[in-house]
């Protein structure tokens, strides 16, 4: 290791060391907790108790299992989901911002190194560590969560503490956080204000994606139907699309406003309106990967755009 890469290592080794220690400590904790959890599942035979209205809804063993482990898994999930913000604040914003604020970048650029090469070595090392670290956290959350995934009252695949913390979107989001922080440091030229800008931008993008995940028409919900008064299929691990009602003989969907009843009154009301069945729409758990791919693409496009902006400004020496 030599040249600009050696300098990048020297200046970022504290962040790297802290990251390694934190990941290692979390891995040890998760391994111990998961071993205890899977032992309980095996001894009480509740591995197949999936869905909030499944056959184990009243099982005291499932309730005990979730009471003991669900909140801890959510906590680790929130830590993983917060990595884009943390990386952007404490790694991205100072990456260039501190050098510009203190003026030490001038020394590096007098050693026969261009600004783009100087940036690439610094950002490349940070990006590599970001990918490895965020992937490790995402893997730990997914591994710990898997035995109780989509069980009774959660956590479920669409909960933010799981969706934002696992899968490729978690890694892409961390890269976006790093790029956003780095760009803010370059444009603002002072670390603390750049951290404020990074916080607003990263949280803003995350909030928009969370709010729009099921409301932009990216995915078409699955329609489940049941003829007449037959029991509706259990929702299981799917997420309700918030659309349900009754079927006319022509197959038209009508809302529940005309028959907000149950039991015998529902049967009478359906007969009066000529309804021949019921329907409801859901997003199945398999949509997890489609949504992950969409949000990963959004994060990566934003990250690439920010990196391109940084390179253009550095190449033009507008800093």
Protein backbone atom coordinates (compact mmCIF):
# COMPACT_ATOMS: atom_id res chain seq x y z
CA UNK A 1 0.00 0.00 0.00
CA UNK A 2 1.51 3.31 -1.08
CA UNK A 3 0.77 6.76 -2.41
CA UNK A 4 -2.74 8.16 -2.14
CA UNK A 5 -4.19 4.84 -1.00
CA UNK A 6 -1.75 4.70 1.90
CA UNK A 7 -2.72 8.25 2.85
CA UNK A 8 -6.40 7.36 2.64
CA UNK A 9 -5.81 4.38 4.93
CA UNK A 10 -3.91 6.52 7.43
CA UNK A 11 -6.70 9.07 7.57
CA UNK A 12 -9.60 6.60 7.73
CA UNK A 13 -8.18 3.79 9.83
CA UNK A 14 -10.01 4.93 12.97
CA UNK A 15 -13.42 4.67 11.26
CA UNK A 16 -12.43 1.31 9.80
CA UNK A 17 -11.26 -0.04 13.16
CA UNK A 18 -14.43 1.15 14.90
CA UNK A 19 -16.55 -0.47 12.19
CA UNK A 20 -14.74 -3.80 12.49
CA UNK A 21 -15.15 -3.83 16.27
CA UNK A 22 -18.85 -2.96 16.11
CA UNK A 23 -19.60 -5.59 13.45
CA UNK A 24 -17.65 -8.25 15.34
CA UNK A 25 -19.43 -7.45 18.61
CA UNK A 26 -22.84 -7.54 16.93
CA UNK A 27 -22.01 -10.82 15.19
CA UNK A 28 -21.09 -12.46 18.51
CA UNK A 29 -24.24 -11.15 20.18
CA UNK A 30 -26.49 -12.26 17.31
CA UNK A 31 -24.91 -15.73 17.21
CA UNK A 32 -25.60 -16.26 20.92
CA UNK A 33 -29.14 -14.89 20.78
CA UNK A 34 -30.05 -16.83 17.65
CA UNK A 35 -28.77 -20.09 19.13
CA UNK A 36 -31.01 -19.56 22.16
CA UNK A 37 -33.95 -18.67 19.93
CA UNK A 38 -33.65 -21.67 17.59
CA UNK A 39 -33.29 -23.99 20.59
CA UNK A 40 -36.61 -22.69 21.95
CA UNK A 41 -38.27 -23.05 18.53
CA UNK A 42 -37.10 -26.63 18.11
CA UNK A 43 -38.09 -27.70 21.61
CA UNK A 44 -41.59 -26.24 21.34
CA UNK A 45 -42.20 -27.05 17.63
CA UNK A 46 -43.33 -23.59 16.53
CA UNK A 47 -41.16 -23.21 13.44
CA UNK A 48 -44.16 -23.21 11.08
CA UNK A 49 -46.27 -20.70 13.01
CA UNK A 50 -46.31 -18.04 10.31
CA UNK A 51 -48.79 -15.24 9.66
CA UNK A 52 -50.68 -13.07 12.11
CA UNK A 53 -53.89 -15.11 11.80
CA UNK A 54 -52.34 -18.56 11.39
CA UNK A 55 -52.92 -21.76 13.37
CA UNK A 56 -50.63 -20.67 16.23
CA UNK A 57 -52.27 -17.32 16.94
CA UNK A 58 -53.07 -18.34 20.51
CA UNK A 59 -49.92 -20.32 21.22
CA UNK A 60 -48.29 -19.16 24.49
CA UNK A 61 -44.95 -20.45 23.18
CA UNK A 62 -45.07 -18.15 20.13
CA UNK A 63 -46.01 -15.21 22.33
CA UNK A 64 -43.11 -15.97 24.67
CA UNK A 65 -40.72 -16.36 21.73
CA UNK A 66 -41.68 -13.02 20.22
CA UNK A 67 -41.73 -11.25 23.57
CA UNK A 68 -38.16 -12.40 24.22
CA UNK A 69 -36.59 -11.75 20.82
CA UNK A 70 -38.70 -9.53 18.51
CA UNK A 71 -37.80 -6.18 20.06
CA UNK A 72 -34.08 -7.02 20.11
CA UNK A 73 -34.20 -7.95 16.42
CA UNK A 74 -36.03 -4.71 15.66
CA UNK A 75 -33.37 -2.77 17.56
CA UNK A 76 -30.56 -4.28 15.49
CA UNK A 77 -32.68 -3.65 12.41
CA UNK A 78 -33.01 0.04 13.26
CA UNK A 79 -29.24 0.25 13.73
CA UNK A 80 -28.69 -1.29 10.31
CA UNK A 81 -31.35 0.98 8.78
CA UNK A 82 -29.61 4.00 10.33
CA UNK A 83 -26.24 3.19 8.75
CA UNK A 84 -26.77 5.44 5.68
CA UNK A 85 -27.24 8.40 8.00
CA UNK A 86 -24.38 7.47 10.33
CA UNK A 87 -21.97 6.79 7.47
CA UNK A 88 -22.96 10.00 5.72
CA UNK A 89 -22.52 12.08 8.88
CA UNK A 90 -19.34 10.66 10.34
CA UNK A 91 -17.54 9.32 7.27
CA UNK A 92 -18.86 11.06 4.18
CA UNK A 93 -19.14 14.66 5.39
CA UNK A 94 -15.56 14.82 6.81
CA UNK A 95 -14.04 12.84 3.92
CA UNK A 96 -13.42 15.96 1.82
CA UNK A 97 -15.07 18.60 3.99
CA UNK A 98 -12.45 18.42 6.74
CA UNK A 99 -9.61 18.72 4.21
CA UNK A 100 -11.20 21.78 2.60
CA UNK A 101 -12.05 23.38 5.93
CA UNK A 102 -8.53 22.99 7.29
CA UNK A 103 -6.76 23.61 3.98
CA UNK A 104 -4.71 20.39 4.22
CA UNK A 105 -5.89 19.32 0.77
CA UNK A 106 -3.33 21.73 -0.72
CA UNK A 107 -0.46 19.63 0.60
CA UNK A 108 -1.78 16.47 -1.04
CA UNK A 109 -2.28 18.24 -4.36
CA UNK A 110 1.32 19.49 -4.39
CA UNK A 111 2.67 15.93 -4.39
CA UNK A 112 2.00 15.30 -8.08
CA UNK A 113 -1.49 13.96 -7.40
CA UNK A 114 -4.51 15.32 -9.22
CA UNK A 115 -7.72 16.13 -7.33
CA UNK A 116 -9.69 13.32 -8.99
CA UNK A 117 -7.10 10.68 -8.13
CA UNK A 118 -6.92 12.08 -4.61
CA UNK A 119 -10.72 11.75 -4.32
CA UNK A 120 -10.91 8.29 -5.89
CA UNK A 121 -8.45 6.76 -3.44
CA UNK A 122 -10.20 8.28 -0.43
CA UNK A 123 -13.74 7.58 -1.57
CA UNK A 124 -12.89 4.14 -2.98
CA UNK A 125 -11.58 2.89 0.37
CA UNK A 126 -14.56 4.37 2.21
CA UNK A 127 -16.99 2.85 -0.31
CA UNK A 128 -15.41 -0.60 -0.02
CA UNK A 129 -15.68 -0.52 3.77
CA UNK A 130 -19.24 0.81 3.52
CA UNK A 131 -20.33 -2.06 1.27
CA UNK A 132 -18.69 -4.71 3.44
CA UNK A 133 -19.94 -3.25 6.72
CA UNK A 134 -23.51 -2.58 5.61
CA UNK A 135 -23.73 -6.03 3.97
CA UNK A 136 -22.53 -7.62 7.22
CA UNK A 137 -25.14 -5.75 9.25
CA UNK A 138 -27.89 -6.58 6.76
CA UNK A 139 -26.87 -10.25 6.81
CA UNK A 140 -26.88 -10.36 10.60
CA UNK A 141 -30.37 -8.86 10.81
CA UNK A 142 -31.73 -11.24 8.17
CA UNK A 143 -30.07 -14.27 9.77
CA UNK A 144 -31.39 -13.49 13.24
CA UNK A 145 -34.87 -12.59 11.96
CA UNK A 146 -35.34 -15.60 9.66
CA UNK A 147 -36.56 -18.13 12.30
CA UNK A 148 -39.38 -15.80 13.43
CA UNK A 149 -39.95 -14.01 10.13
CA UNK A 150 -43.58 -13.03 9.47
CA UNK A 151 -44.75 -14.73 12.66
CA UNK A 152 -47.90 -13.62 14.51
CA UNK A 153 -47.45 -9.89 15.29
CA UNK A 154 -44.08 -9.55 13.63
CA UNK A 155 -41.68 -8.29 12.66
CA UNK A 156 -42.77 -8.76 9.06
CA UNK A 157 -40.91 -8.32 5.81
CA UNK A 158 -42.56 -4.96 5.12
CA UNK A 159 -41.78 -3.47 8.55
CA UNK A 160 -39.22 -0.68 8.19
CA UNK A 161 -36.98 -2.25 10.85
CA UNK A 162 -36.63 -5.27 8.54
CA UNK A 163 -37.10 -3.95 5.00
CA UNK A 164 -34.79 -0.95 5.40
CA UNK A 165 -32.21 -3.04 7.27
CA UNK A 166 -31.83 -6.09 5.04
CA UNK A 167 -31.34 -6.94 1.39
CA UNK A 168 -29.45 -5.04 -1.32
CA UNK A 169 -31.34 -1.81 -0.61
CA UNK A 170 -29.59 -1.56 2.77
CA UNK A 171 -26.17 -1.70 1.06
CA UNK A 172 -27.18 0.68 -1.74
CA UNK A 173 -28.62 3.06 0.84
CA UNK A 174 -25.36 3.07 2.77
CA UNK A 175 -23.45 3.93 -0.42
CA UNK A 176 -25.90 6.74 -1.11
CA UNK A 177 -25.37 8.04 2.43
CA UNK A 178 -21.60 8.08 1.90
CA UNK A 179 -21.94 9.84 -1.46
CA UNK A 180 -24.40 12.38 -0.06
CA UNK A 181 -22.10 13.19 2.86
CA UNK A 182 -19.06 13.50 0.60
CA UNK A 183 -20.87 15.77 -1.84
CA UNK A 184 -22.14 17.94 1.02
CA UNK A 185 -18.59 18.25 2.39
CA UNK A 186 -17.30 19.35 -1.01
CA UNK A 187 -20.08 21.86 -1.65
CA UNK A 188 -20.38 23.32 1.86
CA UNK A 189 -16.63 23.11 2.68
CA UNK A 190 -17.27 22.94 6.43
CA UNK A 191 -17.85 19.72 8.30
CA UNK A 192 -20.63 20.62 10.75
CA UNK A 193 -22.88 22.37 8.21
CA UNK A 194 -22.19 19.52 5.78
CA UNK A 195 -23.35 17.04 8.41
CA UNK A 196 -26.59 18.99 8.76
CA UNK A 197 -27.17 18.93 5.01
CA UNK A 198 -26.39 15.20 4.89
CA UNK A 199 -28.84 14.47 7.68
CA UNK A 200 -31.67 16.29 5.90
CA UNK A 201 -30.95 14.77 2.48
CA UNK A 202 -30.50 11.14 3.56
CA UNK A 203 -33.45 11.14 5.96
CA UNK A 204 -35.56 12.92 3.36
CA UNK A 205 -34.89 10.32 0.65
CA UNK A 206 -35.45 7.49 3.12
CA UNK A 207 -38.75 9.00 4.30
CA UNK A 208 -40.02 9.47 0.75
CA UNK A 209 -39.21 5.88 -0.19
CA UNK A 210 -40.85 4.53 2.97
CA UNK A 211 -43.99 6.60 2.42
CA UNK A 212 -44.32 5.75 -1.29
CA UNK A 213 -43.28 2.10 -1.20
CA UNK A 214 -46.79 0.72 -1.76
CA UNK A 215 -48.42 3.82 -3.25
CA UNK A 216 -46.67 4.58 -6.54
CA UNK A 217 -48.01 1.67 -8.55
CA UNK A 218 -44.60 -0.02 -8.79
CA UNK A 219 -46.25 -3.34 -8.01
CA UNK A 220 -49.70 -4.72 -8.71
CA UNK A 221 -51.29 -6.28 -5.63
CA UNK A 222 -52.51 -9.85 -5.74
CA UNK A 223 -56.31 -10.28 -5.61
CA UNK A 224 -57.61 -13.13 -3.45
CA UNK A 225 -61.24 -14.18 -3.84
CA UNK A 226 -63.63 -16.54 -2.11
CA UNK A 227 -67.05 -17.52 -3.49
CA UNK A 228 -70.18 -16.75 -1.53
CA UNK A 229 -69.81 -16.92 2.24
CA UNK A 230 -66.84 -19.27 2.20
CA UNK A 231 -64.06 -18.22 4.60
CA UNK A 232 -61.52 -15.89 3.08
CA UNK A 233 -57.99 -17.17 2.60
CA UNK A 234 -55.72 -16.23 5.50
CA UNK A 235 -53.60 -13.18 4.79
CA UNK A 236 -50.57 -15.00 6.22
CA UNK A 237 -47.31 -13.13 5.65
CA UNK A 238 -48.75 -10.85 2.96
CA UNK A 239 -49.34 -7.13 3.44
CA UNK A 240 -52.86 -5.84 2.96
CA UNK A 241 -53.26 -3.39 0.09
CA UNK A 242 -56.20 -1.79 1.93
CA UNK A 243 -58.67 -2.76 -0.79
CA UNK A 244 -61.39 -5.32 -0.09
CA UNK A 245 -65.07 -5.86 -0.70
CA UNK A 246 -67.53 -7.93 -2.72
CA UNK A 247 -67.85 -9.48 -6.18
CA UNK A 248 -70.79 -8.99 -8.52
CA UNK A 249 -71.82 -11.74 -10.98
CA UNK A 250 -69.91 -9.85 -13.71
CA UNK A 251 -66.73 -9.90 -11.63
CA UNK A 252 -66.88 -6.23 -10.69
CA UNK A 253 -65.33 -5.22 -7.37
CA UNK A 254 -67.44 -3.18 -4.97
CA UNK A 255 -66.42 -1.85 -1.58
CA UNK A 256 -67.80 -2.92 1.77
CA UNK A 257 -69.87 0.22 2.28
CA UNK A 258 -73.10 -1.58 1.26
CA UNK A 259 -72.59 -4.61 3.53
CA UNK A 260 -70.67 -3.74 6.65
CA UNK A 261 -71.96 -6.76 8.50
CA UNK A 262 -70.96 -10.28 9.49
CA UNK A 263 -72.63 -13.62 10.00
CA UNK A 264 -76.31 -13.96 9.04
CA UNK A 265 -76.70 -10.24 8.37
CA UNK A 266 -73.81 -10.35 5.91
CA UNK A 267 -75.37 -13.30 4.08
CA UNK A 268 -78.71 -11.46 3.82
CA UNK A 269 -77.02 -8.24 2.66
CA UNK A 270 -74.96 -10.02 0.01
CA UNK A 271 -78.11 -11.69 -1.33
CA UNK A 272 -79.94 -8.36 -1.50
CA UNK A 273 -77.16 -6.78 -3.54
CA UNK A 274 -76.51 -9.83 -5.69
CA UNK A 275 -72.95 -10.34 -4.48
CA UNK A 276 -71.52 -13.74 -5.32
CA UNK A 277 -68.24 -13.60 -3.42
CA UNK A 278 -65.66 -11.57 -1.56
CA UNK A 279 -62.21 -10.28 -2.45
CA UNK A 280 -59.24 -8.57 -0.89
CA UNK A 281 -55.92 -7.42 -2.32
CA UNK A 282 -52.51 -8.08 -0.82
CA UNK A 283 -48.82 -7.74 -1.51
CA UNK A 284 -47.32 -11.23 -1.04
CA UNK A 285 -44.01 -11.65 0.76
CA UNK A 286 -42.35 -12.44 -2.59
CA UNK A 287 -42.73 -8.73 -3.43
CA UNK A 288 -39.92 -8.08 -0.95
CA UNK A 289 -37.30 -8.72 -3.62
CA UNK A 290 -39.03 -6.66 -6.30
CA UNK A 291 -39.26 -3.68 -3.97
CA UNK A 292 -35.67 -4.20 -2.84
CA UNK A 293 -34.53 -4.09 -6.47
CA UNK A 294 -36.49 -0.88 -7.12
CA UNK A 295 -35.18 0.95 -4.06
CA UNK A 296 -31.63 -0.29 -4.66
CA UNK A 297 -31.80 1.18 -8.16
CA UNK A 298 -33.03 4.51 -6.77
CA UNK A 299 -30.20 4.69 -4.23
CA UNK A 300 -27.54 3.70 -6.75
CA UNK A 301 -28.71 6.20 -9.37
CA UNK A 302 -28.61 8.98 -6.77
CA UNK A 303 -25.18 7.84 -5.54
CA UNK A 304 -23.75 7.74 -9.07
CA UNK A 305 -25.17 11.19 -9.80
CA UNK A 306 -23.56 12.62 -6.67
CA UNK A 307 -20.21 10.98 -7.44
CA UNK A 308 -20.35 12.38 -10.97
CA UNK A 309 -21.03 15.84 -9.53
CA UNK A 310 -18.03 15.52 -7.23
CA UNK A 311 -15.73 14.42 -10.06
CA UNK A 312 -16.87 17.26 -12.34
CA UNK A 313 -16.24 19.87 -9.65
CA UNK A 314 -12.85 18.40 -8.74
CA UNK A 315 -11.80 18.12 -12.38
CA UNK A 316 -12.66 21.77 -12.83
CA UNK A 317 -10.93 22.57 -9.51
CA UNK A 318 -14.06 24.34 -8.26
CA UNK A 319 -13.39 23.72 -4.60
